[in-house]
N, C-alpha and C. Protein backbone atom coordinates (compact mmCIF):
# COMPACT_ATOMS: atom_id res chain seq x y z
N MET A 1 -35.85 23.20 -59.00
CA MET A 1 -35.35 22.28 -57.91
C MET A 1 -33.91 22.67 -57.57
N VAL A 2 -33.66 22.51 -56.27
CA VAL A 2 -32.29 22.89 -55.62
C VAL A 2 -31.42 21.61 -55.86
N ALA A 3 -30.24 21.94 -56.26
CA ALA A 3 -29.25 20.82 -56.37
C ALA A 3 -28.81 20.39 -54.96
N LYS A 4 -28.63 19.17 -54.81
CA LYS A 4 -28.20 18.69 -53.54
C LYS A 4 -26.93 19.28 -53.01
N SER A 5 -25.98 19.37 -54.08
CA SER A 5 -24.69 19.99 -53.63
C SER A 5 -24.76 21.48 -53.16
N ASP A 6 -25.88 22.19 -53.72
CA ASP A 6 -26.11 23.48 -53.14
C ASP A 6 -26.52 23.46 -51.64
N VAL A 7 -27.34 22.59 -51.28
CA VAL A 7 -27.87 22.55 -49.90
C VAL A 7 -26.63 22.02 -48.99
N VAL A 8 -25.87 21.04 -49.46
CA VAL A 8 -24.70 20.51 -48.70
C VAL A 8 -23.70 21.66 -48.49
N THR A 9 -23.38 22.46 -49.49
CA THR A 9 -22.51 23.53 -49.35
C THR A 9 -23.06 24.58 -48.37
N ALA A 10 -24.27 24.96 -48.58
CA ALA A 10 -25.01 25.92 -47.71
C ALA A 10 -24.93 25.40 -46.17
N GLN A 11 -25.27 24.08 -46.01
CA GLN A 11 -25.14 23.54 -44.70
C GLN A 11 -23.77 23.73 -44.04
N SER A 12 -22.81 23.46 -44.74
CA SER A 12 -21.35 23.57 -44.40
C SER A 12 -21.06 25.05 -44.03
N GLU A 13 -21.51 26.00 -44.91
CA GLU A 13 -21.17 27.39 -44.64
C GLU A 13 -21.91 27.94 -43.50
N ILE A 14 -23.15 27.53 -43.29
CA ILE A 14 -23.89 28.04 -42.18
C ILE A 14 -23.39 27.47 -40.87
N GLU A 15 -23.06 26.16 -40.86
CA GLU A 15 -22.57 25.53 -39.59
C GLU A 15 -21.31 26.19 -39.23
N LYS A 16 -20.38 26.36 -40.15
CA LYS A 16 -19.14 27.00 -39.83
C LYS A 16 -19.33 28.49 -39.25
N SER A 17 -20.19 29.25 -39.85
CA SER A 17 -20.42 30.52 -39.49
C SER A 17 -20.99 30.58 -37.97
N LEU A 18 -21.97 29.57 -37.75
CA LEU A 18 -22.55 29.52 -36.40
C LEU A 18 -21.51 29.04 -35.33
N GLN A 19 -20.65 28.22 -35.64
CA GLN A 19 -19.62 27.79 -34.77
C GLN A 19 -18.69 28.93 -34.44
N ASP A 20 -18.28 29.73 -35.51
CA ASP A 20 -17.56 30.95 -35.28
C ASP A 20 -18.22 31.98 -34.36
N PHE A 21 -19.67 31.94 -34.51
CA PHE A 21 -20.44 32.96 -33.74
C PHE A 21 -20.27 32.54 -32.28
N VAL A 22 -20.50 31.38 -31.96
CA VAL A 22 -20.53 30.97 -30.50
C VAL A 22 -19.23 30.59 -29.93
N LEU A 23 -18.15 30.72 -30.83
CA LEU A 23 -16.82 30.37 -30.27
C LEU A 23 -16.38 31.15 -29.11
N SER A 24 -16.94 32.37 -28.93
CA SER A 24 -16.58 33.21 -27.78
C SER A 24 -17.04 32.56 -26.48
N SER A 25 -18.04 31.64 -26.67
CA SER A 25 -18.52 30.91 -25.50
C SER A 25 -17.72 29.59 -25.40
N ALA A 26 -17.15 29.42 -24.18
CA ALA A 26 -16.32 28.22 -24.09
C ALA A 26 -17.19 26.87 -24.20
N ALA A 27 -18.51 26.95 -23.89
CA ALA A 27 -19.28 25.81 -24.00
C ALA A 27 -20.45 26.18 -24.99
N ALA A 28 -20.42 25.38 -26.17
CA ALA A 28 -21.42 25.69 -27.15
C ALA A 28 -21.69 24.51 -28.04
N LYS A 29 -22.92 24.39 -28.52
CA LYS A 29 -23.17 23.34 -29.40
C LYS A 29 -23.96 23.83 -30.65
N VAL A 30 -23.54 23.34 -31.81
CA VAL A 30 -24.19 23.76 -33.08
C VAL A 30 -24.43 22.49 -33.86
N TYR A 31 -25.66 22.52 -34.45
CA TYR A 31 -25.98 21.37 -35.35
C TYR A 31 -26.93 21.92 -36.47
N VAL A 32 -26.51 21.68 -37.57
CA VAL A 32 -27.27 22.19 -38.77
C VAL A 32 -27.62 20.96 -39.65
N PHE A 33 -28.95 20.80 -39.93
CA PHE A 33 -29.40 19.61 -40.60
C PHE A 33 -30.33 19.86 -41.69
N GLU A 34 -30.45 19.01 -42.70
CA GLU A 34 -31.40 19.12 -43.80
C GLU A 34 -32.66 18.36 -43.45
N THR A 35 -33.74 19.07 -43.73
CA THR A 35 -35.07 18.50 -43.46
C THR A 35 -35.46 17.67 -44.74
N GLU A 36 -36.50 16.91 -44.62
CA GLU A 36 -37.08 16.06 -45.67
C GLU A 36 -37.38 17.00 -46.94
N SER A 37 -37.72 18.29 -46.64
CA SER A 37 -38.06 19.13 -47.80
C SER A 37 -36.92 19.94 -48.36
N HIS A 38 -35.75 19.50 -47.89
CA HIS A 38 -34.44 20.04 -48.50
C HIS A 38 -34.21 21.40 -48.04
N HIS A 39 -34.67 21.77 -46.87
CA HIS A 39 -34.44 22.96 -46.24
C HIS A 39 -33.39 22.76 -45.12
N LEU A 40 -32.81 23.78 -44.55
CA LEU A 40 -31.89 23.61 -43.42
C LEU A 40 -32.44 24.18 -42.21
N ARG A 41 -32.20 23.46 -41.04
CA ARG A 41 -32.52 24.06 -39.71
C ARG A 41 -31.28 24.03 -38.90
N ALA A 42 -31.22 25.03 -37.97
CA ALA A 42 -29.96 25.02 -37.11
C ALA A 42 -30.41 25.01 -35.66
N LEU A 43 -29.68 24.23 -34.80
CA LEU A 43 -29.89 24.13 -33.56
C LEU A 43 -28.63 24.78 -32.90
N VAL A 44 -28.81 25.77 -31.92
CA VAL A 44 -27.63 26.48 -31.44
C VAL A 44 -27.76 26.50 -29.95
N GLY A 45 -26.78 25.97 -29.16
CA GLY A 45 -26.84 26.03 -27.71
C GLY A 45 -25.59 26.82 -27.25
N SER A 46 -25.75 27.77 -26.46
CA SER A 46 -24.56 28.61 -26.02
C SER A 46 -24.98 29.21 -24.68
N ASP A 47 -24.02 29.21 -23.69
CA ASP A 47 -24.31 29.90 -22.46
C ASP A 47 -24.27 31.42 -22.62
N GLY A 48 -23.89 31.80 -23.86
CA GLY A 48 -24.01 33.23 -24.15
C GLY A 48 -25.40 33.78 -24.21
N PHE A 49 -26.32 32.81 -24.38
CA PHE A 49 -27.73 33.07 -24.47
C PHE A 49 -28.44 33.13 -23.11
N ARG A 50 -27.73 32.71 -22.01
CA ARG A 50 -28.36 32.57 -20.80
C ARG A 50 -28.86 33.95 -20.39
N GLY A 51 -30.14 33.96 -20.01
CA GLY A 51 -30.79 35.22 -19.40
C GLY A 51 -31.22 36.13 -20.68
N MET A 52 -30.92 35.84 -21.91
CA MET A 52 -31.41 36.58 -23.01
C MET A 52 -32.74 36.12 -23.51
N PRO A 53 -33.72 37.04 -23.82
CA PRO A 53 -35.00 36.73 -24.26
C PRO A 53 -34.87 36.03 -25.64
N LEU A 54 -35.80 35.19 -25.97
CA LEU A 54 -35.86 34.52 -27.26
C LEU A 54 -35.74 35.39 -28.49
N TRP A 55 -36.45 36.57 -28.43
CA TRP A 55 -36.46 37.42 -29.64
C TRP A 55 -35.01 38.02 -29.84
N GLU A 56 -34.24 38.28 -28.75
CA GLU A 56 -32.97 38.96 -28.84
C GLU A 56 -31.94 37.89 -29.34
N ARG A 57 -32.10 36.64 -28.86
CA ARG A 57 -31.25 35.54 -29.31
C ARG A 57 -31.36 35.38 -30.92
N GLN A 58 -32.66 35.39 -31.22
CA GLN A 58 -32.87 35.22 -32.70
C GLN A 58 -32.43 36.43 -33.51
N GLU A 59 -32.68 37.59 -33.09
CA GLU A 59 -32.15 38.75 -33.75
C GLU A 59 -30.75 38.72 -33.88
N THR A 60 -30.06 38.43 -32.78
CA THR A 60 -28.54 38.39 -32.78
C THR A 60 -28.05 37.46 -33.73
N VAL A 61 -28.52 36.16 -33.71
CA VAL A 61 -28.06 35.13 -34.61
C VAL A 61 -28.33 35.42 -36.10
N TRP A 62 -29.49 35.85 -36.39
CA TRP A 62 -29.85 36.11 -37.79
C TRP A 62 -29.05 37.34 -38.28
N ALA A 63 -28.81 38.35 -37.50
CA ALA A 63 -28.00 39.40 -37.93
C ALA A 63 -26.61 39.01 -38.26
N TYR A 64 -26.07 38.19 -37.43
CA TYR A 64 -24.68 37.56 -37.64
C TYR A 64 -24.67 36.82 -38.88
N LEU A 65 -25.65 35.98 -39.07
CA LEU A 65 -25.70 35.12 -40.28
C LEU A 65 -25.81 36.02 -41.57
N ARG A 66 -26.68 36.96 -41.52
CA ARG A 66 -26.86 37.92 -42.75
C ARG A 66 -25.55 38.63 -43.05
N GLU A 67 -24.72 38.88 -42.07
CA GLU A 67 -23.46 39.56 -42.22
C GLU A 67 -22.34 38.64 -42.76
N HIS A 68 -22.53 37.35 -42.37
CA HIS A 68 -21.27 36.42 -42.67
C HIS A 68 -21.57 35.24 -43.69
N VAL A 69 -22.81 35.13 -44.00
CA VAL A 69 -23.14 33.99 -44.95
C VAL A 69 -23.80 34.64 -46.19
N PRO A 70 -23.23 34.33 -47.39
CA PRO A 70 -23.81 34.67 -48.61
C PRO A 70 -25.36 34.45 -48.73
N ASP A 71 -26.17 35.23 -49.29
CA ASP A 71 -27.60 35.06 -49.46
C ASP A 71 -27.87 33.72 -50.22
N GLU A 72 -27.06 33.32 -51.14
CA GLU A 72 -27.26 32.15 -51.90
C GLU A 72 -27.20 30.90 -51.09
N PHE A 73 -26.59 30.88 -49.88
CA PHE A 73 -26.55 29.84 -48.91
C PHE A 73 -27.58 30.10 -47.86
N LEU A 74 -27.77 31.29 -47.39
CA LEU A 74 -28.72 31.57 -46.36
C LEU A 74 -30.17 31.32 -46.77
N VAL A 75 -30.45 31.33 -48.02
CA VAL A 75 -31.79 31.15 -48.47
C VAL A 75 -32.33 29.74 -48.14
N HIS A 76 -31.40 28.81 -47.90
CA HIS A 76 -31.81 27.44 -47.58
C HIS A 76 -32.16 27.26 -46.17
N LEU A 77 -31.85 28.20 -45.28
CA LEU A 77 -32.00 28.03 -43.81
C LEU A 77 -33.48 28.67 -43.51
N VAL A 78 -34.33 27.68 -42.96
CA VAL A 78 -35.69 28.11 -42.63
C VAL A 78 -35.81 28.48 -41.19
N ALA A 79 -35.01 27.89 -40.34
CA ALA A 79 -35.21 28.02 -38.85
C ALA A 79 -33.90 27.98 -38.16
N VAL A 80 -33.82 28.80 -37.12
CA VAL A 80 -32.66 28.63 -36.20
C VAL A 80 -33.29 28.58 -34.76
N HIS A 81 -33.03 27.61 -33.97
CA HIS A 81 -33.54 27.38 -32.67
C HIS A 81 -32.38 27.75 -31.72
N THR A 82 -32.60 28.58 -30.84
CA THR A 82 -31.54 29.03 -29.91
C THR A 82 -31.85 28.82 -28.40
N TRP A 83 -30.94 28.22 -27.73
CA TRP A 83 -31.03 27.89 -26.37
C TRP A 83 -29.74 28.16 -25.56
N ASP A 84 -29.85 28.28 -24.21
CA ASP A 84 -28.59 28.17 -23.43
C ASP A 84 -28.30 26.71 -23.39
N LEU A 85 -27.18 26.32 -22.87
CA LEU A 85 -26.79 24.86 -22.91
C LEU A 85 -27.68 23.94 -22.08
N ASP A 86 -28.26 24.40 -20.99
CA ASP A 86 -29.18 23.67 -20.21
C ASP A 86 -30.39 23.44 -21.07
N GLU A 87 -30.96 24.45 -21.63
CA GLU A 87 -32.19 24.35 -22.53
C GLU A 87 -31.92 23.44 -23.75
N TYR A 88 -30.72 23.59 -24.33
CA TYR A 88 -30.42 22.76 -25.47
C TYR A 88 -30.44 21.24 -25.00
N ASP A 89 -29.75 20.96 -23.88
CA ASP A 89 -29.80 19.41 -23.49
C ASP A 89 -31.26 19.04 -23.16
N GLU A 90 -32.02 19.92 -22.68
CA GLU A 90 -33.47 19.46 -22.43
C GLU A 90 -34.31 19.34 -23.76
N ASN A 91 -33.98 19.98 -24.77
CA ASN A 91 -34.72 20.03 -25.94
C ASN A 91 -34.21 19.27 -27.14
N VAL A 92 -32.96 18.86 -27.16
CA VAL A 92 -32.41 18.27 -28.34
C VAL A 92 -31.86 16.86 -27.89
N ARG A 93 -32.35 15.90 -28.67
CA ARG A 93 -31.79 14.53 -28.58
C ARG A 93 -30.45 14.44 -29.13
N GLU A 94 -29.62 13.62 -28.73
CA GLU A 94 -28.34 13.49 -29.25
C GLU A 94 -28.50 13.11 -30.78
N VAL A 95 -27.62 13.80 -31.67
CA VAL A 95 -27.65 13.58 -33.03
C VAL A 95 -26.31 12.89 -33.54
């Protein structure tokens, strides 16, 4: 069983890393949350994704995370959802 503190630490590290990743975009939104099954999901909205196909967005984000987040934290992340800001606003309710 995974300790709650491990998931909380992983959540913080992943969220910080994703914020650093999209920092180059003046307008960006990042939200990382824990699911009921104690896994993490990330929602990332950035105009840097505009015009980029989904597979490229995913590949870019996961490559960045693998380079900047230790495996002990990254193992908790089961999904990353990537959108440009318009898509983010269409798909994500305010959290």
